[in-house]
C-alpha atoms as a PDB file:
ATOM      1  CA  MET A   1      90.110 107.896 -93.643  1.00  0.00           C
ATOM      2  CA  THR A   2      86.900 106.211 -93.692  1.00  0.00           C
ATOM      3  CA  ASN A   3      87.906 103.064 -95.533  1.00  0.00           C
ATOM      4  CA  GLY A   4      90.996 101.061 -95.140  1.00  0.00           C
ATOM      5  CA  ASP A   5      92.030 101.003 -98.872  1.00  0.00           C
ATOM      6  CA  ALA A   6      92.529 104.777 -99.011  1.00  0.00           C
ATOM      7  CA  HIS A   7      95.640 106.923 -97.659  1.00  0.00           C
ATOM      8  CA  THR A   8      96.542 110.799 -97.682  1.00  0.00           C
ATOM      9  CA  PRO A   9      99.918 111.752 -98.881  1.00  0.00           C
ATOM     10  CA  ALA A  10     100.872 112.547 -95.528  1.00  0.00           C
ATOM     11  CA  GLN A  11     100.111 108.634 -94.643  1.00  0.00           C
ATOM     12  CA  ASP A  12     101.969 105.650 -95.943  1.00  0.00           C
ATOM     13  CA  GLU A  13     100.112 102.330 -97.252  1.00  0.00           C
ATOM     14  CA  LYS A  14     100.407 101.254 -93.711  1.00  0.00           C
ATOM     15  CA  GLY A  15      98.676 104.264 -92.291  1.00  0.00           C
ATOM     16  CA  ARG A  16     101.797 105.736 -90.450  1.00  0.00           C
ATOM     17  CA  GLN A  17     102.136 109.397 -90.463  1.00  0.00           C
ATOM     18  CA  ARG A  18     104.305 111.353 -92.720  1.00  0.00           C
ATOM     19  CA  PRO A  19     104.715 114.517 -91.461  1.00  0.00           C
ATOM     20  CA  PHE A  20     107.360 115.823 -93.512  1.00  0.00           C
ATOM     21  CA  LEU A  21     105.704 115.531 -96.938  1.00  0.00           C
ATOM     22  CA  PRO A  22     102.900 118.359 -96.246  1.00  0.00           C
ATOM     23  CA  LEU A  23     105.894 120.767 -95.803  1.00  0.00           C
ATOM     24  CA  VAL A  24     107.650 119.085 -98.615  1.00  0.00           C
ATOM     25  CA  THR A  25     104.508 119.368-100.725  1.00  0.00           C
ATOM     26  CA  GLY A  26     104.195 123.006 -99.516  1.00  0.00           C
ATOM     27  CA  ILE A  27     107.440 124.027-101.383  1.00  0.00           C
ATOM     28  CA  SER A  28     106.080 123.074-104.846  1.00  0.00           C
ATOM     29  CA  THR A  29     102.544 124.818-103.922  1.00  0.00           C
ATOM     30  CA  LEU A  30     104.763 127.926-103.014  1.00  0.00           C
ATOM     31  CA  LEU A  31     106.713 127.597-106.136  1.00  0.00           C
ATOM     32  CA  ASP A  32     103.552 127.151-108.155  1.00  0.00           C
ATOM     33  CA  TRP A  33     101.925 130.401-106.570  1.00  0.00           C
ATOM     34  CA  SER A  34     105.156 132.566-107.222  1.00  0.00           C
ATOM     35  CA  GLY A  35     104.998 131.354-110.850  1.00  0.00           C
ATOM     36  CA  ARG A  36     101.462 132.418-111.147  1.00  0.00           C
ATOM     37  CA  ILE A  37     101.881 135.876-109.367  1.00  0.00           C
ATOM     38  CA  ILE A  38     105.008 136.380-111.727  1.00  0.00           C
ATOM     39  CA  ALA A  39     103.183 135.504-114.815  1.00  0.00           C
ATOM     40  CA  ALA A  40     100.185 137.281-113.946  1.00  0.00           C
ATOM     41  CA  VAL A  41     101.825 140.746-112.989  1.00  0.00           C
ATOM     42  CA  CYS A  42     104.071 140.502-116.056  1.00  0.00           C
ATOM     43  CA  LEU A  43     100.679 139.601-118.469  1.00  0.00           C
ATOM     44  CA  GLY A  44      99.064 142.768-116.729  1.00  0.00           C
ATOM     45  CA  VAL A  45     101.719 145.182-117.072  1.00  0.00           C
ATOM     46  CA  THR A  46     102.374 143.902-120.348  1.00  0.00           C
ATOM     47  CA  PHE A  47      98.803 144.078-121.592  1.00  0.00           C
ATOM     48  CA  ALA A  48      98.501 147.723-119.695  1.00  0.00           C
ATOM     49  CA  THR A  49     101.515 149.236-121.228  1.00  0.00           C
ATOM     50  CA  LEU A  50     100.295 147.991-124.895  1.00  0.00           C
ATOM     51  CA  LEU A  51      97.014 149.607-124.178  1.00  0.00           C
ATOM     52  CA  VAL A  52      98.364 153.097-123.000  1.00  0.00           C
ATOM     53  CA  ASN A  53     100.767 152.896-125.687  1.00  0.00           C
ATOM     54  CA  VAL A  54      97.925 152.267-128.432  1.00  0.00           C
ATOM     55  CA  ILE A  55      95.685 154.928-127.049  1.00  0.00           C
ATOM     56  CA  LEU A  56      98.359 157.293-126.801  1.00  0.00           C
ATOM     57  CA  ARG A  57      99.249 156.696-130.436  1.00  0.00           C
ATOM     58  CA  TYR A  58      95.865 157.246-131.837  1.00  0.00           C
ATOM     59  CA  ALA A  59      94.964 159.815-129.417  1.00  0.00           C
ATOM     60  CA  PHE A  60      98.245 162.150-129.545  1.00  0.00           C
ATOM     61  CA  GLY A  61     100.188 160.759-132.298  1.00  0.00           C
ATOM     62  CA  SER A  62     103.254 159.820-130.060  1.00  0.00           C
ATOM     63  CA  GLY A  63     103.169 156.731-127.715  1.00  0.00           C
ATOM     64  CA  ILE A  64     105.677 155.526-124.804  1.00  0.00           C
ATOM     65  CA  ALA A  65     108.883 154.916-126.132  1.00  0.00           C
ATOM     66  CA  TRP A  66     109.888 152.247-123.515  1.00  0.00           C
ATOM     67  CA  ALA A  67     106.935 150.236-124.227  1.00  0.00           C
ATOM     68  CA  TYR A  68     108.869 149.028-127.099  1.00  0.00           C
ATOM     69  CA  GLU A  69     111.278 147.522-125.003  1.00  0.00           C
ATOM     70  CA  ILE A  70     109.402 146.122-121.845  1.00  0.00           C
ATOM     71  CA  HIS A  71     108.859 142.885-123.288  1.00  0.00           C
ATOM     72  CA  ALA A  72     112.352 142.343-123.593  1.00  0.00           C
ATOM     73  CA  ILE A  73     112.224 141.908-119.515  1.00  0.00           C
ATOM     74  CA  LEU A  74     108.372 141.025-118.925  1.00  0.00           C
ATOM     75  CA  LEU A  75     107.953 138.316-121.470  1.00  0.00           C
ATOM     76  CA  PRO A  76     110.888 135.753-120.325  1.00  0.00           C
ATOM     77  CA  TRP A  77     110.002 136.213-116.718  1.00  0.00           C
ATOM     78  CA  MET A  78     106.189 135.327-117.540  1.00  0.00           C
ATOM     79  CA  VAL A  79     107.969 131.998-119.585  1.00  0.00           C
ATOM     80  CA  GLY A  80     109.543 131.399-116.412  1.00  0.00           C
ATOM     81  CA  GLY A  81     106.648 131.925-114.328  1.00  0.00           C
ATOM     82  CA  GLY A  82     104.629 129.433-116.505  1.00  0.00           C
ATOM     83  CA  ILE A  83     107.621 126.745-116.462  1.00  0.00           C
ATOM     84  CA  VAL A  84     107.780 126.659-112.866  1.00  0.00           C
ATOM     85  CA  ILE A  85     103.746 126.572-112.815  1.00  0.00           C
ATOM     86  CA  ALA A  86     103.705 123.625-115.051  1.00  0.00           C
ATOM     87  CA  ALA A  87     106.469 121.778-113.276  1.00  0.00           C
ATOM     88  CA  ALA A  88     104.981 122.365-110.054  1.00  0.00           C
ATOM     89  CA  ARG A  89     101.482 120.991-111.304  1.00  0.00           C
ATOM     90  CA  GLY A  90     103.231 117.996-113.095  1.00  0.00           C
ATOM     91  CA  ARG A  91     101.776 119.704-116.411  1.00  0.00           C
ATOM     92  CA  ASN A  92     105.024 119.741-118.646  1.00  0.00           C
ATOM     93  CA  ILE A  93     104.774 118.203-121.790  1.00  0.00           C
ATOM     94  CA  ALA A  94     104.887 114.384-121.123  1.00  0.00           C
ATOM     95  CA  ILE A  95     104.180 111.183-123.029  1.00  0.00           C
ATOM     96  CA  THR A  96     102.533 109.035-120.367  1.00  0.00           C
ATOM     97  CA  LEU A  97     102.284 105.691-122.287  1.00  0.00           C
ATOM     98  CA  MET A  98     105.220 103.786-120.525  1.00  0.00           C
ATOM     99  CA  PRO A  99     104.024 105.076-116.863  1.00  0.00           C
ATOM    100  CA  ASP A 100     100.169 104.173-117.587  1.00  0.00           C
ATOM    101  CA  MET A 101     101.553 100.666-118.910  1.00  0.00           C
ATOM    102  CA  LEU A 102     103.597 100.039-115.458  1.00  0.00           C
ATOM    103  CA  PRO A 103     102.526  98.823-112.405  1.00  0.00           C
ATOM    104  CA  GLN A 104     102.829 101.216-109.322  1.00  0.00           C
ATOM    105  CA  GLY A 105     106.523 100.087-108.221  1.00  0.00           C
ATOM    106  CA  PRO A 106     108.204 100.207-111.701  1.00  0.00           C
ATOM    107  CA  ARG A 107     106.452 103.324-112.288  1.00  0.00           C
ATOM    108  CA  ARG A 108     107.549 104.725-108.956  1.00  0.00           C
ATOM    109  CA  ILE A 109     110.926 103.867-110.273  1.00  0.00           C
ATOM    110  CA  LEU A 110     110.372 105.497-113.452  1.00  0.00           C
ATOM    111  CA  SER A 111     109.452 108.612-111.746  1.00  0.00           C
ATOM    112  CA  LEU A 112     112.397 108.858-109.719  1.00  0.00           C
ATOM    113  CA  ALA A 113     114.509 108.219-112.755  1.00  0.00           C
ATOM    114  CA  ILE A 114     112.767 110.921-114.752  1.00  0.00           C
ATOM    115  CA  ASN A 115     113.052 113.480-111.755  1.00  0.00           C
ATOM    116  CA  ILE A 116     116.633 112.889-111.287  1.00  0.00           C
ATOM    117  CA  THR A 117     117.404 113.550-115.037  1.00  0.00           C
ATOM    118  CA  ILE A 118     115.347 116.905-114.656  1.00  0.00           C
ATOM    119  CA  LEU A 119     117.321 117.610-111.557  1.00  0.00           C
ATOM    120  CA  VAL A 120     120.434 116.857-113.501  1.00  0.00           C
ATOM    121  CA  ILE A 121     119.641 118.965-116.622  1.00  0.00           C
ATOM    122  CA  SER A 122     118.430 121.678-114.418  1.00  0.00           C
ATOM    123  CA  VAL A 123     121.669 122.211-112.253  1.00  0.00           C
ATOM    124  CA  SER A 124     123.647 122.043-115.623  1.00  0.00           C
ATOM    125  CA  VAL A 125     121.742 124.941-117.350  1.00  0.00           C
ATOM    126  CA  LEU A 126     122.024 127.002-113.878  1.00  0.00           C
ATOM    127  CA  ASP A 127     125.657 125.935-114.091  1.00  0.00           C
ATOM    128  CA  ALA A 128     126.065 126.952-117.717  1.00  0.00           C
ATOM    129  CA  SER A 129     123.960 130.146-117.183  1.00  0.00           C
ATOM    130  CA  GLY A 130     126.666 132.127-114.871  1.00  0.00           C
ATOM    131  CA  PRO A 131     128.533 133.393-118.209  1.00  0.00           C
ATOM    132  CA  ILE A 132     125.266 134.322-119.747  1.00  0.00           C
ATOM    133  CA  LEU A 133     123.968 136.363-116.613  1.00  0.00           C
ATOM    134  CA  LYS A 134     127.466 137.887-116.146  1.00  0.00           C
ATOM    135  CA  ALA A 135     127.541 138.949-119.605  1.00  0.00           C
ATOM    136  CA  ALA A 136     124.156 140.360-119.514  1.00  0.00           C
ATOM    137  CA  LYS A 137     125.201 143.031-116.728  1.00  0.00           C
ATOM    138  CA  PHE A 138     126.702 144.569-119.846  1.00  0.00           C
ATOM    139  CA  GLN A 139     123.922 144.677-122.084  1.00  0.00           C
ATOM    140  CA  THR A 140     121.581 148.204-121.233  1.00  0.00           C
ATOM    141  CA  LEU A 141     117.981 148.490-122.873  1.00  0.00           C
ATOM    142  CA  SER A 142     118.643 151.714-124.771  1.00  0.00           C
ATOM    143  CA  THR A 143     115.269 153.508-123.829  1.00  0.00           C
ATOM    144  CA  LEU A 144     114.450 152.244-120.447  1.00  0.00           C
ATOM    145  CA  GLY A 145     118.142 152.051-119.281  1.00  0.00           C
ATOM    146  CA  ILE A 146     117.561 148.558-117.624  1.00  0.00           C
ATOM    147  CA  LYS A 147     120.260 145.962-117.636  1.00  0.00           C
ATOM    148  CA  GLN A 148     119.526 142.885-119.646  1.00  0.00           C
ATOM    149  CA  TYR A 149     120.433 140.731-116.695  1.00  0.00           C
ATOM    150  CA  TRP A 150     116.744 141.270-114.917  1.00  0.00           C
ATOM    151  CA  GLY A 151     115.367 139.713-118.151  1.00  0.00           C
ATOM    152  CA  TYR A 152     118.130 136.663-118.113  1.00  0.00           C
ATOM    153  CA  LEU A 153     117.630 136.189-114.495  1.00  0.00           C
ATOM    154  CA  SER A 154     114.099 134.610-115.363  1.00  0.00           C
ATOM    155  CA  LEU A 155     116.096 131.539-116.253  1.00  0.00           C
ATOM    156  CA  PHE A 156     117.811 131.226-113.117  1.00  0.00           C
ATOM    157  CA  TYR A 157     114.419 131.437-111.448  1.00  0.00           C
ATOM    158  CA  ALA A 158     112.754 128.896-113.718  1.00  0.00           C
ATOM    159  CA  PHE A 159     115.698 126.370-113.665  1.00  0.00           C
ATOM    160  CA  ALA A 160     116.211 127.028-109.850  1.00  0.00           C
ATOM    161  CA  GLY A 161     112.459 126.112-109.365  1.00  0.00           C
ATOM    162  CA  MET A 162     112.543 123.083-111.679  1.00  0.00           C
ATOM    163  CA  SER A 163     115.380 121.864-109.486  1.00  0.00           C
ATOM    164  CA  VAL A 164     113.756 122.585-106.217  1.00  0.00           C
ATOM    165  CA  ILE A 165     110.316 120.750-107.632  1.00  0.00           C
ATOM    166  CA  ALA A 166     112.324 117.817-109.081  1.00  0.00           C
ATOM    167  CA  VAL A 167     113.621 117.326-105.571  1.00  0.00           C
ATOM    168  CA  VAL A 168     110.779 117.884-103.950  1.00  0.00           C
ATOM    169  CA  ASP A 169     109.080 114.927-105.972  1.00  0.00           C
ATOM    170  CA  ILE A 170     112.070 112.679-105.585  1.00  0.00           C
ATOM    171  CA  ILE A 171     111.687 113.002-101.958  1.00  0.00           C
ATOM    172  CA  ARG A 172     107.682 112.380-102.455  1.00  0.00           C
ATOM    173  CA  THR A 173     108.582 109.083-104.654  1.00  0.00           C
ATOM    174  CA  LEU A 174     110.925 107.879-102.197  1.00  0.00           C
ATOM    175  CA  ALA A 175     108.271 108.539 -99.460  1.00  0.00           C
ATOM    176  CA  GLY A 176     106.097 105.975-101.248  1.00  0.00           C
ATOM    177  CA  GLU A 177     103.673 108.443-103.349  1.00  0.00           C
ATOM    178  CA  ASP A 178     102.849 107.650-106.919  1.00  0.00           C
ATOM    179  CA  LEU A 179     102.920 110.942-108.266  1.00  0.00           C
ATOM    180  CA  HIS A 180     101.887 109.655-111.629  1.00  0.00           C
ATOM    181  CA  ALA A 181      98.576 108.205-110.328  1.00  0.00           C
ATOM    182  CA  SER A 182      97.651 111.193-108.354  1.00  0.00           C
ATOM    183  CA  ASP A 183      98.844 113.999-111.021  1.00  0.00           C
ATOM    184  CA  TYR A 184      97.588 112.340-114.243  1.00  0.00           C
ATOM    185  CA  GLU A 185      94.799 109.949-113.737  1.00  0.00           C
ATOM    186  CA  THR A 186      92.738 111.834-111.746  1.00  0.00           C
ATOM    187  CA  SER A 187      93.049 115.262-113.786  1.00  0.00           C
ATOM    188  CA  SER A 188      91.398 116.425-116.733  1.00  0.00           C
ATOM    189  CA  LEU A 189      92.899 118.948-118.847  1.00  0.00           C
ATOM    190  CA  SER A 190      89.788 119.983-120.955  1.00  0.00           C
END
């Protein structure tokens, strides 16, 4: 810190150290990376499977039978990975008109309310997904022989990830960070 006006996320406005914040923020970073890895692997396997299947169909007249079912497992995981990435980066769909108009204090209160709402909704979805996951254990993909459970498990991953990220953002907001200012105003989506 060279000037007295700036502070890092590990310090508050008065320059006091907040050593827990890098650890808490690291949780979001870890979830971001898990989503990236999941999405990249799913996309890569889906693309490779489709490419090989097309080549086999044109070259030999028949393709891979399970290539028509693999998307039932991989696509939900790709979407779940994308949801976690968006939540970790604060890039989910948002209308920022109100936070943009508010001063820093009320903006933090709004951020806290939003993240508490996200947490409540995510935990509610996790609670409601239990019966779906139990039922999916009895559904099997005919060619692959894999239980649909593995695809539906992505629902649990996505909403558990959103819950953890909401808790992280609540902690960061209570620690004095202005998440809206750091995440939205200084970034470009172009």
